[in-house]
Amino acid sequence: MCSEAGITTHITPHSLRIGGNSAAVDNGVPAEVRRAHGRWLLPGMVDLYTRRSPDTGIDLTRRMTGR
């Protein structure tokens, strides 16, 4: 199915967990909500499954500097 959609990289269920959690972070979803949604028992798992987009840091810097 992925190859039919033009996706050539290897995608696993963990890829989707990381992507979904990371998108939720970028959209301001609180950690406790993400933890419940991901069914993680340990609070640290939320951070383990978070990959911040480089654009997020750039956007934050722009807002802080007003540029």
N, C-alpha and C. Protein backbone atom coordinates (compact mmCIF):
# COMPACT_ATOMS: atom_id res chain seq x y z
N MET A 1 0.82 -1.18 0.00
CA MET A 1 0.00 0.00 0.00
C MET A 1 0.87 1.26 0.00
N CYS A 2 1.94 1.26 0.79
CA CYS A 2 2.81 2.44 0.85
C CYS A 2 3.47 2.69 -0.50
N SER A 3 3.96 1.61 -1.13
CA SER A 3 4.63 1.80 -2.42
C SER A 3 3.66 2.32 -3.47
N GLU A 4 2.40 1.92 -3.40
CA GLU A 4 1.40 2.43 -4.33
C GLU A 4 1.16 3.92 -4.14
N ALA A 5 1.40 4.40 -2.92
CA ALA A 5 1.23 5.83 -2.61
C ALA A 5 2.52 6.62 -2.87
N GLY A 6 3.57 5.91 -3.33
CA GLY A 6 4.83 6.60 -3.63
C GLY A 6 5.75 6.73 -2.43
N ILE A 7 5.44 6.06 -1.34
CA ILE A 7 6.29 6.11 -0.15
C ILE A 7 7.33 5.00 -0.27
N THR A 8 8.60 5.40 -0.30
CA THR A 8 9.66 4.42 -0.52
C THR A 8 10.45 4.09 0.75
N THR A 9 10.27 4.86 1.82
CA THR A 9 10.98 4.58 3.05
C THR A 9 10.22 3.54 3.87
N HIS A 10 10.95 2.85 4.73
CA HIS A 10 10.36 1.81 5.57
C HIS A 10 9.53 2.46 6.68
N ILE A 11 8.28 2.10 6.76
CA ILE A 11 7.38 2.64 7.79
C ILE A 11 6.90 1.49 8.66
N THR A 12 6.95 1.70 9.97
CA THR A 12 6.49 0.69 10.93
C THR A 12 5.36 1.29 11.77
N PRO A 13 4.67 0.47 12.54
CA PRO A 13 3.67 1.02 13.46
C PRO A 13 4.27 2.06 14.41
N HIS A 14 5.53 1.86 14.80
CA HIS A 14 6.18 2.84 15.67
C HIS A 14 6.36 4.18 14.95
N SER A 15 6.57 4.14 13.64
CA SER A 15 6.68 5.38 12.87
C SER A 15 5.40 6.19 13.01
N LEU A 16 4.27 5.50 12.97
CA LEU A 16 2.98 6.19 13.08
C LEU A 16 2.76 6.72 14.49
N ARG A 17 3.22 5.98 15.50
CA ARG A 17 3.09 6.46 16.89
C ARG A 17 3.93 7.71 17.09
N ILE A 18 5.16 7.67 16.56
CA ILE A 18 6.05 8.83 16.68
C ILE A 18 5.47 10.02 15.92
N GLY A 19 5.03 9.78 14.69
CA GLY A 19 4.49 10.86 13.87
C GLY A 19 3.24 11.47 14.46
N GLY A 20 2.34 10.63 14.95
CA GLY A 20 1.11 11.14 15.55
C GLY A 20 1.37 11.93 16.82
N ASN A 21 2.24 11.40 17.67
CA ASN A 21 2.57 12.09 18.91
C ASN A 21 3.28 13.40 18.62
N SER A 22 4.20 13.39 17.67
CA SER A 22 4.95 14.61 17.33
C SER A 22 4.03 15.67 16.75
N ALA A 23 3.09 15.26 15.90
CA ALA A 23 2.13 16.21 15.34
C ALA A 23 1.25 16.80 16.45
N ALA A 24 0.90 15.96 17.42
CA ALA A 24 0.09 16.45 18.54
C ALA A 24 0.86 17.49 19.35
N VAL A 25 2.17 17.25 19.57
CA VAL A 25 3.01 18.23 20.28
C VAL A 25 3.00 19.55 19.52
N ASP A 26 3.23 19.48 18.21
CA ASP A 26 3.29 20.69 17.39
C ASP A 26 1.96 21.46 17.40
N ASN A 27 0.87 20.77 17.73
CA ASN A 27 -0.44 21.41 17.76
C ASN A 27 -0.92 21.71 19.18
N GLY A 28 0.00 21.62 20.14
CA GLY A 28 -0.31 22.05 21.49
C GLY A 28 -1.09 21.08 22.37
N VAL A 29 -1.14 19.81 21.99
CA VAL A 29 -1.86 18.84 22.81
C VAL A 29 -1.03 18.55 24.07
N PRO A 30 -1.62 18.66 25.25
CA PRO A 30 -0.88 18.44 26.50
C PRO A 30 -0.32 17.02 26.61
N ALA A 31 0.80 16.89 27.30
CA ALA A 31 1.48 15.60 27.45
C ALA A 31 0.57 14.53 28.06
N GLU A 32 -0.23 14.90 29.04
CA GLU A 32 -1.09 13.92 29.70
C GLU A 32 -2.14 13.35 28.74
N VAL A 33 -2.64 14.18 27.85
CA VAL A 33 -3.61 13.72 26.85
C VAL A 33 -2.92 12.79 25.86
N ARG A 34 -1.71 13.16 25.42
CA ARG A 34 -0.95 12.31 24.49
C ARG A 34 -0.58 10.98 25.15
N ARG A 35 -0.26 11.03 26.42
CA ARG A 35 0.09 9.81 27.16
C ARG A 35 -1.10 8.86 27.20
N ALA A 36 -2.28 9.38 27.50
CA ALA A 36 -3.48 8.54 27.55
C ALA A 36 -3.81 7.99 26.17
N HIS A 37 -3.70 8.83 25.16
CA HIS A 37 -4.02 8.40 23.79
C HIS A 37 -3.06 7.31 23.31
N GLY A 38 -1.77 7.47 23.66
CA GLY A 38 -0.77 6.48 23.27
C GLY A 38 -0.73 5.26 24.16
N ARG A 39 -1.52 5.29 25.24
CA ARG A 39 -1.59 4.20 26.22
C ARG A 39 -0.22 3.88 26.81
N TRP A 40 0.56 4.94 27.08
CA TRP A 40 1.86 4.77 27.72
C TRP A 40 1.69 4.83 29.22
N LEU A 41 2.25 3.87 29.93
CA LEU A 41 2.14 3.84 31.38
C LEU A 41 3.12 4.79 32.05
N LEU A 42 4.32 4.88 31.49
CA LEU A 42 5.35 5.74 32.09
C LEU A 42 5.34 7.11 31.43
N PRO A 43 5.38 8.18 32.22
CA PRO A 43 5.37 9.53 31.66
C PRO A 43 6.50 9.79 30.66
N GLY A 44 7.67 9.19 30.88
CA GLY A 44 8.81 9.42 30.00
C GLY A 44 8.62 8.89 28.59
N MET A 45 7.68 7.98 28.40
CA MET A 45 7.44 7.42 27.07
C MET A 45 6.92 8.49 26.11
N VAL A 46 6.20 9.46 26.63
CA VAL A 46 5.69 10.54 25.78
C VAL A 46 6.86 11.27 25.13
N ASP A 47 7.90 11.55 25.91
CA ASP A 47 9.08 12.23 25.36
C ASP A 47 9.85 11.33 24.40
N LEU A 48 9.92 10.04 24.72
CA LEU A 48 10.64 9.10 23.87
C LEU A 48 10.03 9.03 22.47
N TYR A 49 8.72 9.17 22.40
CA TYR A 49 8.01 9.09 21.12
C TYR A 49 7.77 10.47 20.49
N THR A 50 8.55 11.45 20.86
CA THR A 50 8.41 12.80 20.30
C THR A 50 9.61 13.15 19.46
N ARG A 51 9.38 13.54 18.23
CA ARG A 51 10.44 14.03 17.35
C ARG A 51 10.01 15.42 16.91
N ARG A 52 10.72 16.43 17.38
CA ARG A 52 10.36 17.81 17.04
C ARG A 52 10.81 18.14 15.62
N SER A 53 9.97 18.81 14.92
CA SER A 53 10.28 19.27 13.57
C SER A 53 11.24 20.46 13.66
N PRO A 54 12.26 20.52 12.79
CA PRO A 54 13.14 21.69 12.80
C PRO A 54 12.37 22.99 12.60
N ASP A 55 11.27 22.92 11.85
CA ASP A 55 10.45 24.11 11.61
C ASP A 55 9.85 24.64 12.91
N THR A 56 9.59 23.77 13.87
CA THR A 56 9.02 24.19 15.15
C THR A 56 9.97 25.13 15.86
N GLY A 57 11.25 24.80 15.87
CA GLY A 57 12.24 25.65 16.51
C GLY A 57 12.40 26.98 15.80
N ILE A 58 12.36 26.94 14.48
CA ILE A 58 12.49 28.17 13.69
C ILE A 58 11.29 29.08 13.96
N ASP A 59 10.09 28.50 14.00
CA ASP A 59 8.88 29.28 14.26
C ASP A 59 8.94 29.91 15.65
N LEU A 60 9.39 29.16 16.63
CA LEU A 60 9.51 29.68 17.98
C LEU A 60 10.49 30.84 18.03
N THR A 61 11.63 30.69 17.37
CA THR A 61 12.63 31.76 17.34
C THR A 61 12.06 33.01 16.68
N ARG A 62 11.33 32.84 15.61
CA ARG A 62 10.72 34.00 14.92
C ARG A 62 9.73 34.71 15.82
N ARG A 63 8.93 33.96 16.55
CA ARG A 63 7.96 34.59 17.46
C ARG A 63 8.66 35.32 18.60
N MET A 64 9.76 34.75 19.08
CA MET A 64 10.48 35.37 20.18
C MET A 64 11.18 36.66 19.76
N THR A 65 11.68 36.68 18.51
CA THR A 65 12.43 37.85 18.04
C THR A 65 11.56 38.83 17.27
N GLY A 66 10.33 38.43 16.94
CA GLY A 66 9.44 39.32 16.20
C GLY A 66 9.82 39.45 14.73
N ARG A 67 10.56 38.49 14.21
CA ARG A 67 10.98 38.52 12.79
C ARG A 67 10.25 37.52 11.96
